[in-house]
Amino acid sequence: MGLVKLNDRGVRSATTFGSVSGGSFTFIKKLTASSSATLSFVDGASDVVLDDTYKEYMFTFKDMHPQTDEDYLSFNFSVDSGSNYNVTKTSAFFRAYNYENNSDRAVAYETGYDQAQSTAFHALVEGGISSDNDASLSGSLTLFNPSSTTFVKHFIANAHALRGSGSPTPLAINNFIGGYGNTTSAVDAVQFKMESGDIDAGTIKLYGIA
């Protein structure tokens, strides 16, 4: 059994049953939202690294809060240093939820939130995030080998949010996404934004994984 601790300086791993090799995390950049329309990570800009330095990159979200009730956080990729965020994507999306009053719960595939050769921004949560003061979304997005000029760009994401503010009763919703950017061009920028309103608050951190 192993214990792994992640912080801004990297990963420290301790194991009970011998040595376990694995990738180390290197903190690259933190962006903090404050009524922000977008949060963008562009390779080579503002100390951002998103190139062949690492074969794997992880974005972590903490307490992402929407300006608009039931707005969802979304992402897209760029192959032209952020001039356009419109990479064609195909994905699968499923979620599990449970109401705060325990009146209903389910696990289901969400056909309305997956993508099939779409250039649109991709939702990280089904339905949206409550704008109540105590509500937010947290989770992560991992992008694999974005600098490759041979393969498509695989990504996986897991995000949890508090949805609903009264009618229906609030619920916990866990979202699971996997897909690929259908391009053999190097992805050199990633942008996050809400579906419509601003990102009221929250932080996104970028890590490189060796």
N, C-alpha and C. Protein backbone atom coordinates (compact mmCIF):
# COMPACT_ATOMS: atom_id res chain seq x y z
N MET A 1 0.85 -1.19 0.00
CA MET A 1 0.00 0.00 0.00
C MET A 1 0.88 1.23 0.00
N GLY A 2 0.54 2.23 -0.80
CA GLY A 2 1.37 3.41 -0.90
C GLY A 2 0.65 4.66 -0.47
N LEU A 3 1.42 5.67 -0.09
CA LEU A 3 0.89 6.97 0.28
C LEU A 3 1.52 7.99 -0.64
N VAL A 4 0.70 8.76 -1.33
CA VAL A 4 1.22 9.77 -2.24
C VAL A 4 0.69 11.13 -1.84
N LYS A 5 1.57 12.11 -1.68
CA LYS A 5 1.17 13.46 -1.31
C LYS A 5 1.52 14.41 -2.45
N LEU A 6 0.53 15.22 -2.87
CA LEU A 6 0.71 16.15 -3.97
C LEU A 6 0.68 17.57 -3.43
N ASN A 7 1.67 18.37 -3.77
CA ASN A 7 1.65 19.78 -3.42
C ASN A 7 2.31 20.57 -4.54
N ASP A 8 2.52 21.88 -4.33
CA ASP A 8 3.07 22.72 -5.39
C ASP A 8 4.51 22.35 -5.74
N ARG A 9 5.19 21.59 -4.90
CA ARG A 9 6.58 21.26 -5.15
C ARG A 9 6.76 19.89 -5.79
N GLY A 10 5.72 19.07 -5.81
CA GLY A 10 5.82 17.77 -6.46
C GLY A 10 5.15 16.69 -5.67
N VAL A 11 5.58 15.45 -5.88
CA VAL A 11 4.97 14.29 -5.23
C VAL A 11 6.01 13.58 -4.39
N ARG A 12 5.61 13.23 -3.19
CA ARG A 12 6.45 12.40 -2.34
C ARG A 12 5.72 11.09 -2.14
N SER A 13 6.38 9.98 -2.44
CA SER A 13 5.73 8.67 -2.38
C SER A 13 6.43 7.79 -1.36
N ALA A 14 5.62 7.14 -0.50
CA ALA A 14 6.17 6.18 0.46
C ALA A 14 5.37 4.90 0.33
N THR A 15 6.06 3.75 0.31
CA THR A 15 5.37 2.48 0.14
C THR A 15 5.72 1.53 1.26
N THR A 16 4.76 0.65 1.55
CA THR A 16 4.99 -0.35 2.59
C THR A 16 5.51 -1.65 2.02
N PHE A 17 5.17 -1.92 0.78
CA PHE A 17 5.51 -3.21 0.18
C PHE A 17 6.53 -3.03 -0.94
N GLY A 18 7.62 -2.36 -0.62
CA GLY A 18 8.69 -2.22 -1.59
C GLY A 18 8.58 -0.94 -2.37
N SER A 19 9.52 -0.78 -3.26
CA SER A 19 9.60 0.45 -4.04
C SER A 19 8.63 0.42 -5.21
N VAL A 20 7.93 1.52 -5.40
CA VAL A 20 7.01 1.66 -6.53
C VAL A 20 7.45 2.84 -7.35
N SER A 21 7.76 2.62 -8.62
CA SER A 21 8.19 3.72 -9.47
C SER A 21 6.96 4.37 -10.09
N GLY A 22 7.07 5.66 -10.35
CA GLY A 22 5.96 6.37 -10.95
C GLY A 22 6.38 7.77 -11.31
N GLY A 23 5.53 8.49 -12.05
CA GLY A 23 5.85 9.84 -12.48
C GLY A 23 5.81 10.82 -11.33
N SER A 24 6.68 11.82 -11.40
CA SER A 24 6.67 12.88 -10.40
C SER A 24 5.96 14.11 -10.96
N PHE A 25 5.26 14.81 -10.08
CA PHE A 25 4.50 15.99 -10.46
C PHE A 25 5.35 17.24 -10.26
N THR A 26 5.37 18.12 -11.26
CA THR A 26 6.06 19.40 -11.14
C THR A 26 5.05 20.53 -11.31
N PHE A 27 4.93 21.37 -10.28
CA PHE A 27 4.02 22.50 -10.36
C PHE A 27 4.51 23.50 -11.39
N ILE A 28 3.59 23.96 -12.27
CA ILE A 28 3.96 24.89 -13.33
C ILE A 28 3.32 26.26 -13.14
N LYS A 29 2.00 26.30 -12.97
CA LYS A 29 1.30 27.60 -12.96
C LYS A 29 -0.02 27.50 -12.22
N LYS A 30 -0.36 28.56 -11.51
CA LYS A 30 -1.65 28.68 -10.83
C LYS A 30 -2.35 29.93 -11.33
N LEU A 31 -3.62 29.78 -11.71
CA LEU A 31 -4.46 30.92 -12.09
C LEU A 31 -5.63 31.01 -11.13
N THR A 32 -5.92 32.22 -10.67
CA THR A 32 -7.00 32.46 -9.73
C THR A 32 -8.07 33.31 -10.39
N ALA A 33 -9.31 32.85 -10.38
CA ALA A 33 -10.42 33.58 -11.00
C ALA A 33 -10.97 34.64 -10.05
N SER A 34 -11.32 35.76 -10.61
CA SER A 34 -12.02 36.82 -9.88
C SER A 34 -12.90 37.54 -10.89
N SER A 35 -14.15 37.06 -11.03
CA SER A 35 -15.05 37.56 -12.07
C SER A 35 -14.35 37.51 -13.43
N SER A 36 -13.76 36.35 -13.74
CA SER A 36 -12.96 36.18 -14.97
C SER A 36 -13.79 35.53 -16.07
N ALA A 37 -13.70 36.09 -17.27
CA ALA A 37 -14.41 35.50 -18.42
C ALA A 37 -13.77 34.17 -18.81
N THR A 38 -12.44 34.11 -18.77
CA THR A 38 -11.71 32.90 -19.13
C THR A 38 -10.46 32.79 -18.27
N LEU A 39 -9.95 31.55 -18.18
CA LEU A 39 -8.63 31.29 -17.62
C LEU A 39 -7.88 30.47 -18.66
N SER A 40 -6.73 30.97 -19.12
CA SER A 40 -6.03 30.35 -20.24
C SER A 40 -4.59 30.01 -19.87
N PHE A 41 -4.17 28.82 -20.27
CA PHE A 41 -2.79 28.37 -20.10
C PHE A 41 -2.18 28.25 -21.50
N VAL A 42 -1.27 29.15 -21.84
CA VAL A 42 -0.67 29.19 -23.17
C VAL A 42 0.82 28.93 -23.05
N ASP A 43 1.31 27.93 -23.76
CA ASP A 43 2.72 27.59 -23.70
C ASP A 43 3.60 28.79 -24.04
N GLY A 44 4.58 29.06 -23.18
CA GLY A 44 5.51 30.15 -23.43
C GLY A 44 5.06 31.50 -22.94
N ALA A 45 3.82 31.60 -22.45
CA ALA A 45 3.30 32.87 -21.95
C ALA A 45 3.14 32.79 -20.43
N SER A 46 3.60 33.81 -19.72
CA SER A 46 3.43 33.92 -18.27
C SER A 46 3.94 32.68 -17.54
N ASP A 47 5.10 32.19 -17.95
CA ASP A 47 5.77 31.05 -17.31
C ASP A 47 5.03 29.72 -17.48
N VAL A 48 4.12 29.63 -18.43
CA VAL A 48 3.41 28.37 -18.69
C VAL A 48 4.27 27.47 -19.57
N VAL A 49 4.36 26.20 -19.19
CA VAL A 49 5.02 25.17 -20.01
C VAL A 49 3.95 24.18 -20.44
N LEU A 50 3.77 24.01 -21.74
CA LEU A 50 2.81 23.04 -22.27
C LEU A 50 3.36 22.56 -23.61
N ASP A 51 4.48 21.83 -23.51
CA ASP A 51 5.18 21.38 -24.72
C ASP A 51 5.73 19.97 -24.48
N ASP A 52 6.81 19.62 -25.16
CA ASP A 52 7.35 18.27 -25.03
C ASP A 52 8.23 18.08 -23.79
N THR A 53 8.23 19.08 -22.90
CA THR A 53 8.95 18.92 -21.63
C THR A 53 8.37 17.75 -20.84
N TYR A 54 7.05 17.59 -20.90
CA TYR A 54 6.35 16.50 -20.22
C TYR A 54 5.45 15.78 -21.22
N LYS A 55 5.24 14.49 -21.01
CA LYS A 55 4.33 13.71 -21.85
C LYS A 55 2.90 13.72 -21.31
N GLU A 56 2.75 14.26 -20.10
CA GLU A 56 1.43 14.27 -19.45
C GLU A 56 1.31 15.54 -18.63
N TYR A 57 0.13 16.18 -18.72
CA TYR A 57 -0.14 17.41 -17.96
C TYR A 57 -1.46 17.25 -17.22
N MET A 58 -1.51 17.77 -16.00
CA MET A 58 -2.74 17.72 -15.22
C MET A 58 -3.14 19.11 -14.75
N PHE A 59 -4.41 19.44 -14.96
CA PHE A 59 -5.00 20.66 -14.44
C PHE A 59 -5.90 20.26 -13.26
N THR A 60 -5.73 20.93 -12.12
CA THR A 60 -6.61 20.67 -10.98
C THR A 60 -7.45 21.92 -10.71
N PHE A 61 -8.74 21.70 -10.43
CA PHE A 61 -9.66 22.80 -10.15
C PHE A 61 -10.04 22.76 -8.67
N LYS A 62 -10.08 23.90 -8.04
CA LYS A 62 -10.49 23.96 -6.65
C LYS A 62 -11.52 25.07 -6.45
N ASP A 63 -12.71 24.68 -5.96
CA ASP A 63 -13.76 25.63 -5.59
C ASP A 63 -14.08 26.62 -6.71
N MET A 64 -14.34 26.08 -7.91
CA MET A 64 -14.75 26.92 -9.04
C MET A 64 -16.22 27.32 -8.84
N HIS A 65 -16.44 28.62 -8.73
CA HIS A 65 -17.77 29.15 -8.40
C HIS A 65 -18.28 30.01 -9.55
N PRO A 66 -19.52 29.76 -10.02
CA PRO A 66 -20.05 30.50 -11.16
C PRO A 66 -20.70 31.82 -10.75
N GLN A 67 -20.65 32.75 -11.65
CA GLN A 67 -21.39 34.00 -11.45
C GLN A 67 -22.89 33.77 -11.66
N THR A 68 -23.21 32.86 -12.60
CA THR A 68 -24.59 32.57 -12.97
C THR A 68 -25.01 31.21 -12.44
N ASP A 69 -26.18 31.12 -11.82
CA ASP A 69 -26.66 29.87 -11.24
C ASP A 69 -26.81 28.79 -12.31
N GLU A 70 -26.39 27.57 -11.98
CA GLU A 70 -26.48 26.41 -12.86
C GLU A 70 -25.68 26.58 -14.14
N ASP A 71 -24.61 27.36 -14.07
CA ASP A 71 -23.67 27.50 -15.18
C ASP A 71 -22.63 26.39 -15.05
N TYR A 72 -22.11 25.87 -16.18
CA TYR A 72 -21.13 24.80 -16.08
C TYR A 72 -19.75 25.26 -16.55
N LEU A 73 -18.71 24.69 -15.94
CA LEU A 73 -17.34 24.96 -16.34
C LEU A 73 -17.00 24.10 -17.55
N SER A 74 -16.28 24.68 -18.51
CA SER A 74 -15.95 23.96 -19.75
C SER A 74 -14.51 24.25 -20.16
N PHE A 75 -14.01 23.46 -21.12
CA PHE A 75 -12.63 23.61 -21.59
C PHE A 75 -12.54 23.38 -23.08
N ASN A 76 -11.45 23.89 -23.66
CA ASN A 76 -11.14 23.61 -25.06
C ASN A 76 -9.64 23.74 -25.27
N PHE A 77 -9.18 23.21 -26.39
CA PHE A 77 -7.76 23.19 -26.72
C PHE A 77 -7.47 24.10 -27.91
N SER A 78 -6.20 24.51 -28.01
CA SER A 78 -5.74 25.33 -29.14
C SER A 78 -4.47 24.74 -29.71
N VAL A 79 -4.31 24.87 -31.04
CA VAL A 79 -3.08 24.44 -31.70
C VAL A 79 -2.35 25.63 -32.30
N ASP A 80 -2.81 26.86 -31.99
CA ASP A 80 -2.18 28.07 -32.54
C ASP A 80 -1.91 29.10 -31.46
N SER A 81 -1.39 28.61 -30.33
CA SER A 81 -0.98 29.47 -29.22
C SER A 81 -2.11 30.33 -28.67
N GLY A 82 -3.33 29.81 -28.71
CA GLY A 82 -4.46 30.49 -28.10
C GLY A 82 -5.20 31.46 -29.00
N SER A 83 -4.85 31.51 -30.27
CA SER A 83 -5.61 32.38 -31.18
C SER A 83 -7.03 31.85 -31.38
N ASN A 84 -7.16 30.52 -31.39
CA ASN A 84 -8.47 29.87 -31.51
C ASN A 84 -8.51 28.65 -30.60
N TYR A 85 -9.61 28.52 -29.88
CA TYR A 85 -9.84 27.33 -29.04
C TYR A 85 -10.98 26.54 -29.69
N ASN A 86 -10.61 25.68 -30.60
CA ASN A 86 -11.64 25.02 -31.42
C ASN A 86 -11.19 23.65 -31.93
N VAL A 87 -10.42 22.92 -31.13
CA VAL A 87 -9.97 21.59 -31.56
C VAL A 87 -11.16 20.63 -31.62
N THR A 88 -11.25 19.84 -32.68
CA THR A 88 -12.31 18.85 -32.84
C THR A 88 -12.13 17.74 -31.82
N LYS A 89 -13.24 17.43 -31.09
CA LYS A 89 -13.17 16.46 -29.99
C LYS A 89 -14.26 15.41 -30.10
N THR A 90 -13.94 14.18 -29.68
CA THR A 90 -14.92 13.11 -29.51
C THR A 90 -14.74 12.54 -28.10
N SER A 91 -15.85 12.34 -27.39
CA SER A 91 -15.73 11.98 -25.97
C SER A 91 -16.90 11.11 -25.51
N ALA A 92 -16.74 10.56 -24.32
CA ALA A 92 -17.81 9.84 -23.61
C ALA A 92 -17.99 10.51 -22.25
N PHE A 93 -19.24 10.55 -21.75
CA PHE A 93 -19.55 11.31 -20.53
C PHE A 93 -20.59 10.53 -19.72
N PHE A 94 -20.25 10.22 -18.47
CA PHE A 94 -21.27 9.65 -17.59
C PHE A 94 -21.15 10.28 -16.21
N ARG A 95 -22.21 10.16 -15.42
CA ARG A 95 -22.23 10.82 -14.12
C ARG A 95 -23.01 10.01 -13.11
N ALA A 96 -22.70 10.27 -11.83
CA ALA A 96 -23.46 9.70 -10.71
C ALA A 96 -23.91 10.86 -9.84
N TYR A 97 -25.12 10.74 -9.26
CA TYR A 97 -25.59 11.82 -8.40
C TYR A 97 -26.39 11.27 -7.23
N ASN A 98 -26.53 12.10 -6.20
CA ASN A 98 -27.37 11.78 -5.05
C ASN A 98 -27.92 13.09 -4.49
N TYR A 99 -29.25 13.12 -4.28
CA TYR A 99 -29.87 14.33 -3.75
C TYR A 99 -29.53 14.52 -2.28
N GLU A 100 -29.45 15.79 -1.87
CA GLU A 100 -29.11 16.12 -0.49
C GLU A 100 -30.12 15.55 0.50
N ASN A 101 -31.38 15.47 0.08
CA ASN A 101 -32.42 14.90 0.97
C ASN A 101 -32.58 13.40 0.77
N ASN A 102 -31.69 12.79 -0.05
CA ASN A 102 -31.67 11.35 -0.28
C ASN A 102 -32.91 10.84 -0.99
N SER A 103 -33.60 11.73 -1.72
CA SER A 103 -34.84 11.33 -2.39
C SER A 103 -34.60 10.59 -3.70
N ASP A 104 -33.42 10.75 -4.29
CA ASP A 104 -33.15 10.09 -5.57
C ASP A 104 -31.64 10.04 -5.79
N ARG A 105 -31.21 8.99 -6.51
CA ARG A 105 -29.82 8.87 -6.90
C ARG A 105 -29.75 7.97 -8.12
N ALA A 106 -28.68 8.13 -8.95
CA ALA A 106 -28.59 7.33 -10.18
C ALA A 106 -27.18 7.44 -10.76
N VAL A 107 -26.88 6.50 -11.64
CA VAL A 107 -25.68 6.54 -12.48
C VAL A 107 -26.16 6.40 -13.91
N ALA A 108 -25.66 7.25 -14.82
CA ALA A 108 -26.17 7.18 -16.20
C ALA A 108 -25.18 7.79 -17.18
N TYR A 109 -25.23 7.29 -18.42
CA TYR A 109 -24.51 7.91 -19.52
C TYR A 109 -25.27 9.16 -19.94
N GLU A 110 -24.55 10.24 -20.30
CA GLU A 110 -25.19 11.50 -20.68
C GLU A 110 -24.90 11.82 -22.14
N THR A 111 -25.86 11.49 -23.00
CA THR A 111 -25.66 11.75 -24.44
C THR A 111 -25.66 13.23 -24.77
N GLY A 112 -26.26 14.05 -23.91
CA GLY A 112 -26.32 15.48 -24.18
C GLY A 112 -25.03 16.22 -23.84
N TYR A 113 -24.08 15.52 -23.20
CA TYR A 113 -22.85 16.19 -22.78
C TYR A 113 -21.59 15.58 -23.39
N ASP A 114 -21.73 14.45 -24.09
CA ASP A 114 -20.57 13.96 -24.83
C ASP A 114 -20.41 14.75 -26.12
N GLN A 115 -19.35 14.50 -26.85
CA GLN A 115 -19.14 15.18 -28.12
C GLN A 115 -18.74 14.18 -29.19
N ALA A 116 -19.14 14.45 -30.43
CA ALA A 116 -18.79 13.61 -31.57
C ALA A 116 -18.32 14.52 -32.69
N GLN A 117 -17.01 14.66 -32.79
CA GLN A 117 -16.39 15.53 -33.79
C GLN A 117 -16.89 16.97 -33.65
N SER A 118 -16.86 17.48 -32.45
CA SER A 118 -17.34 18.84 -32.17
C SER A 118 -16.17 19.75 -31.83
N THR A 119 -16.25 20.99 -32.27
CA THR A 119 -15.23 21.99 -31.93
C THR A 119 -15.65 22.86 -30.75
N ALA A 120 -16.83 22.60 -30.19
CA ALA A 120 -17.36 23.42 -29.10
C ALA A 120 -16.58 23.18 -27.81
N PHE A 121 -16.70 24.10 -26.85
CA PHE A 121 -16.13 23.88 -25.53
C PHE A 121 -16.83 22.68 -24.89
N HIS A 122 -16.08 21.93 -24.10
CA HIS A 122 -16.58 20.68 -23.51
C HIS A 122 -16.94 20.91 -22.04
N ALA A 123 -18.17 20.55 -21.65
CA ALA A 123 -18.61 20.70 -20.27
C ALA A 123 -17.89 19.75 -19.35
N LEU A 124 -17.61 20.20 -18.13
CA LEU A 124 -17.02 19.35 -17.10
C LEU A 124 -18.04 18.84 -16.10
N VAL A 125 -19.28 19.33 -16.20
CA VAL A 125 -20.32 18.91 -15.26
C VAL A 125 -21.67 18.93 -15.98
N GLU A 126 -22.48 17.92 -15.72
CA GLU A 126 -23.83 17.85 -16.29
C GLU A 126 -24.74 18.81 -15.53
N GLY A 127 -25.45 19.66 -16.25
CA GLY A 127 -26.41 20.58 -15.65
C GLY A 127 -25.81 21.90 -15.26
N GLY A 128 -24.85 21.90 -14.36
CA GLY A 128 -24.23 23.15 -13.95
C GLY A 128 -23.91 23.16 -12.47
N ILE A 129 -23.39 24.29 -12.01
CA ILE A 129 -22.97 24.47 -10.62
C ILE A 129 -23.89 25.50 -9.97
N SER A 130 -24.31 25.22 -8.75
CA SER A 130 -25.12 26.19 -8.02
C SER A 130 -24.30 27.44 -7.75
N SER A 131 -24.96 28.61 -7.80
CA SER A 131 -24.29 29.86 -7.47
C SER A 131 -24.44 30.22 -6.00
N ASP A 132 -25.05 29.32 -5.20
CA ASP A 132 -25.12 29.56 -3.76
C ASP A 132 -23.71 29.81 -3.22
N ASN A 133 -23.61 30.60 -2.17
CA ASN A 133 -22.31 31.00 -1.64
C ASN A 133 -21.43 29.83 -1.27
N ASP A 134 -22.03 28.71 -0.84
CA ASP A 134 -21.23 27.56 -0.40
C ASP A 134 -21.02 26.52 -1.48
N ALA A 135 -21.44 26.79 -2.71
CA ALA A 135 -21.38 25.80 -3.79
C ALA A 135 -20.17 26.03 -4.69
N SER A 136 -19.66 24.94 -5.27
CA SER A 136 -18.52 25.06 -6.17
C SER A 136 -18.30 23.74 -6.90
N LEU A 137 -17.28 23.72 -7.77
CA LEU A 137 -16.85 22.51 -8.47
C LEU A 137 -15.37 22.31 -8.22
N SER A 138 -14.96 21.06 -8.01
CA SER A 138 -13.54 20.71 -7.89
C SER A 138 -13.28 19.44 -8.69
N GLY A 139 -12.04 19.28 -9.15
CA GLY A 139 -11.72 18.08 -9.93
C GLY A 139 -10.41 18.24 -10.69
N SER A 140 -10.29 17.49 -11.78
CA SER A 140 -9.05 17.52 -12.55
C SER A 140 -9.29 17.15 -14.01
N LEU A 141 -8.37 17.61 -14.86
CA LEU A 141 -8.34 17.27 -16.28
C LEU A 141 -6.91 16.88 -16.61
N THR A 142 -6.72 15.69 -17.20
CA THR A 142 -5.39 15.24 -17.60
C THR A 142 -5.31 15.19 -19.12
N LEU A 143 -4.26 15.78 -19.66
CA LEU A 143 -4.02 15.82 -21.10
C LEU A 143 -2.73 15.06 -21.39
N PHE A 144 -2.81 14.10 -22.31
CA PHE A 144 -1.68 13.20 -22.58
C PHE A 144 -0.94 13.60 -23.86
N ASN A 145 0.37 13.75 -23.73
CA ASN A 145 1.28 13.98 -24.85
C ASN A 145 0.77 15.05 -25.83
N PRO A 146 0.51 16.25 -25.33
CA PRO A 146 -0.08 17.28 -26.20
C PRO A 146 0.82 17.75 -27.33
N SER A 147 2.15 17.55 -27.19
CA SER A 147 3.06 18.04 -28.23
C SER A 147 3.25 17.07 -29.38
N SER A 148 2.64 15.89 -29.30
CA SER A 148 2.79 14.89 -30.37
C SER A 148 2.27 15.42 -31.70
N THR A 149 3.01 15.16 -32.76
CA THR A 149 2.54 15.47 -34.11
C THR A 149 2.23 14.19 -34.88
N THR A 150 2.07 13.08 -34.14
CA THR A 150 1.73 11.78 -34.72
C THR A 150 0.35 11.32 -34.28
N PHE A 151 0.04 11.48 -32.99
CA PHE A 151 -1.17 10.90 -32.42
C PHE A 151 -2.20 11.96 -32.06
N VAL A 152 -3.47 11.51 -31.94
CA VAL A 152 -4.52 12.38 -31.41
C VAL A 152 -4.23 12.65 -29.94
N LYS A 153 -4.95 13.61 -29.33
CA LYS A 153 -4.63 14.07 -27.98
C LYS A 153 -5.68 13.57 -26.97
N HIS A 154 -5.35 12.51 -26.27
CA HIS A 154 -6.28 11.92 -25.30
C HIS A 154 -6.38 12.78 -24.04
N PHE A 155 -7.58 12.78 -23.45
CA PHE A 155 -7.79 13.48 -22.19
C PHE A 155 -8.80 12.71 -21.34
N ILE A 156 -8.66 12.83 -20.02
CA ILE A 156 -9.65 12.30 -19.08
C ILE A 156 -9.91 13.36 -18.03
N ALA A 157 -11.13 13.40 -17.51
CA ALA A 157 -11.49 14.39 -16.50
C ALA A 157 -12.45 13.78 -15.49
N ASN A 158 -12.34 14.25 -14.27
CA ASN A 158 -13.28 13.88 -13.21
C ASN A 158 -13.57 15.15 -12.42
N ALA A 159 -14.83 15.52 -12.32
CA ALA A 159 -15.19 16.75 -11.62
C ALA A 159 -16.42 16.51 -10.76
N HIS A 160 -16.40 17.09 -9.58
CA HIS A 160 -17.54 16.98 -8.66
C HIS A 160 -18.09 18.36 -8.36
N ALA A 161 -19.42 18.47 -8.32
CA ALA A 161 -20.05 19.77 -8.09
C ALA A 161 -21.28 19.65 -7.19
N LEU A 162 -21.60 20.76 -6.56
CA LEU A 162 -22.88 20.92 -5.87
C LEU A 162 -23.83 21.58 -6.84
N ARG A 163 -24.91 20.88 -7.16
CA ARG A 163 -25.91 21.39 -8.10
C ARG A 163 -27.21 21.68 -7.37
N GLY A 164 -28.01 22.60 -7.95
CA GLY A 164 -29.33 22.89 -7.42
C GLY A 164 -29.28 23.82 -6.23
N SER A 165 -30.28 24.65 -6.07
CA SER A 165 -30.29 25.62 -4.98
C SER A 165 -31.60 25.63 -4.22
N GLY A 166 -32.47 24.68 -4.45
CA GLY A 166 -33.74 24.66 -3.73
C GLY A 166 -34.81 23.87 -4.45
N SER A 167 -34.97 24.07 -5.72
CA SER A 167 -35.94 23.33 -6.50
C SER A 167 -35.32 22.96 -7.85
N PRO A 168 -34.85 21.73 -8.03
CA PRO A 168 -34.93 20.62 -7.07
C PRO A 168 -33.96 20.82 -5.91
N THR A 169 -34.12 19.98 -4.91
CA THR A 169 -33.22 20.05 -3.77
C THR A 169 -31.78 19.89 -4.23
N PRO A 170 -30.80 20.50 -3.52
CA PRO A 170 -29.40 20.38 -3.93
C PRO A 170 -28.95 18.92 -4.03
N LEU A 171 -28.00 18.68 -4.91
CA LEU A 171 -27.49 17.32 -5.09
C LEU A 171 -25.99 17.33 -5.31
N ALA A 172 -25.34 16.22 -4.96
CA ALA A 172 -23.94 15.99 -5.26
C ALA A 172 -23.86 15.25 -6.59
N ILE A 173 -23.03 15.75 -7.50
CA ILE A 173 -22.92 15.12 -8.81
C ILE A 173 -21.45 14.94 -9.19
N ASN A 174 -21.10 13.70 -9.55
CA ASN A 174 -19.73 13.34 -9.92
C ASN A 174 -19.71 13.00 -11.40
N ASN A 175 -18.86 13.67 -12.16
CA ASN A 175 -18.84 13.57 -13.62
C ASN A 175 -17.55 12.95 -14.11
N PHE A 176 -17.66 12.01 -15.07
CA PHE A 176 -16.51 11.28 -15.60
C PHE A 176 -16.48 11.46 -17.12
N ILE A 177 -15.34 11.92 -17.64
CA ILE A 177 -15.23 12.25 -19.06
C ILE A 177 -13.95 11.66 -19.61
N GLY A 178 -14.01 11.08 -20.79
CA GLY A 178 -12.82 10.63 -21.49
C GLY A 178 -12.99 10.89 -22.97
N GLY A 179 -11.92 11.29 -23.64
CA GLY A 179 -12.04 11.55 -25.07
C GLY A 179 -10.71 11.87 -25.69
N TYR A 180 -10.78 12.40 -26.92
CA TYR A 180 -9.55 12.79 -27.60
C TYR A 180 -9.81 14.02 -28.47
N GLY A 181 -8.79 14.86 -28.56
CA GLY A 181 -8.79 15.93 -29.54
C GLY A 181 -8.31 15.35 -30.84
N ASN A 182 -9.14 15.42 -31.85
CA ASN A 182 -8.86 14.73 -33.11
C ASN A 182 -7.94 15.59 -33.99
N THR A 183 -6.71 15.76 -33.53
CA THR A 183 -5.72 16.52 -34.28
C THR A 183 -4.34 15.91 -34.06
N THR A 184 -3.52 15.94 -35.11
CA THR A 184 -2.13 15.52 -34.96
C THR A 184 -1.22 16.73 -34.84
N SER A 185 -1.80 17.92 -34.79
CA SER A 185 -1.01 19.12 -34.50
C SER A 185 -0.77 19.19 -33.00
N ALA A 186 0.31 19.82 -32.59
CA ALA A 186 0.62 19.96 -31.18
C ALA A 186 -0.38 20.90 -30.51
N VAL A 187 -0.96 20.46 -29.40
CA VAL A 187 -1.82 21.33 -28.59
C VAL A 187 -0.90 22.14 -27.68
N ASP A 188 -1.01 23.48 -27.78
CA ASP A 188 -0.10 24.34 -27.01
C ASP A 188 -0.82 25.34 -26.11
N ALA A 189 -2.14 25.18 -25.96
CA ALA A 189 -2.89 26.06 -25.06
C ALA A 189 -4.20 25.40 -24.67
N VAL A 190 -4.64 25.65 -23.45
CA VAL A 190 -5.92 25.15 -22.93
C VAL A 190 -6.63 26.30 -22.24
N GLN A 191 -7.92 26.43 -22.54
CA GLN A 191 -8.71 27.51 -21.94
C GLN A 191 -9.92 26.95 -21.21
N PHE A 192 -10.26 27.58 -20.08
CA PHE A 192 -11.42 27.22 -19.28
C PHE A 192 -12.36 28.43 -19.19
N LYS A 193 -13.66 28.16 -19.25
CA LYS A 193 -14.64 29.23 -19.10
C LYS A 193 -15.98 28.63 -18.68
N MET A 194 -16.87 29.47 -18.17
CA MET A 194 -18.23 29.05 -17.88
C MET A 194 -19.05 29.07 -19.16
N GLU A 195 -20.15 28.37 -19.14
CA GLU A 195 -21.01 28.29 -20.31
C GLU A 195 -21.46 29.67 -20.76
N SER A 196 -21.82 30.55 -19.82
CA SER A 196 -22.32 31.87 -20.21
C SER A 196 -21.68 32.99 -19.38
N GLY A 197 -21.88 32.98 -18.06
CA GLY A 197 -21.35 34.05 -17.23
C GLY A 197 -19.87 33.87 -16.91
N ASP A 198 -19.37 34.73 -16.03
CA ASP A 198 -17.97 34.68 -15.65
C ASP A 198 -17.71 33.58 -14.62
N ILE A 199 -16.41 33.26 -14.45
CA ILE A 199 -15.97 32.44 -13.32
C ILE A 199 -15.83 33.39 -12.14
N ASP A 200 -16.73 33.29 -11.19
CA ASP A 200 -16.75 34.23 -10.07
C ASP A 200 -15.52 34.07 -9.19
N ALA A 201 -15.12 32.82 -8.91
CA ALA A 201 -13.97 32.55 -8.04
C ALA A 201 -13.48 31.13 -8.29
N GLY A 202 -12.30 30.83 -7.76
CA GLY A 202 -11.73 29.49 -7.89
C GLY A 202 -10.31 29.54 -8.40
N THR A 203 -9.60 28.43 -8.28
CA THR A 203 -8.22 28.35 -8.75
C THR A 203 -8.03 27.12 -9.63
N ILE A 204 -7.18 27.26 -10.64
CA ILE A 204 -6.77 26.15 -11.49
C ILE A 204 -5.25 26.09 -11.48
N LYS A 205 -4.70 24.90 -11.20
CA LYS A 205 -3.26 24.70 -11.19
C LYS A 205 -2.88 23.73 -12.29
N LEU A 206 -1.73 23.98 -12.89
CA LEU A 206 -1.19 23.12 -13.95
C LEU A 206 0.07 22.43 -13.43
N TYR A 207 0.14 21.11 -13.64
CA TYR A 207 1.30 20.31 -13.27
C TYR A 207 1.80 19.54 -14.49
N GLY A 208 3.11 19.39 -14.58
CA GLY A 208 3.70 18.49 -15.55
C GLY A 208 4.03 17.18 -14.85
N ILE A 209 3.81 16.05 -15.53
CA ILE A 209 4.07 14.74 -14.95
C ILE A 209 5.18 14.07 -15.73
N ALA A 210 6.29 13.83 -15.05
CA ALA A 210 7.46 13.24 -15.71
C ALA A 210 7.24 11.75 -15.93
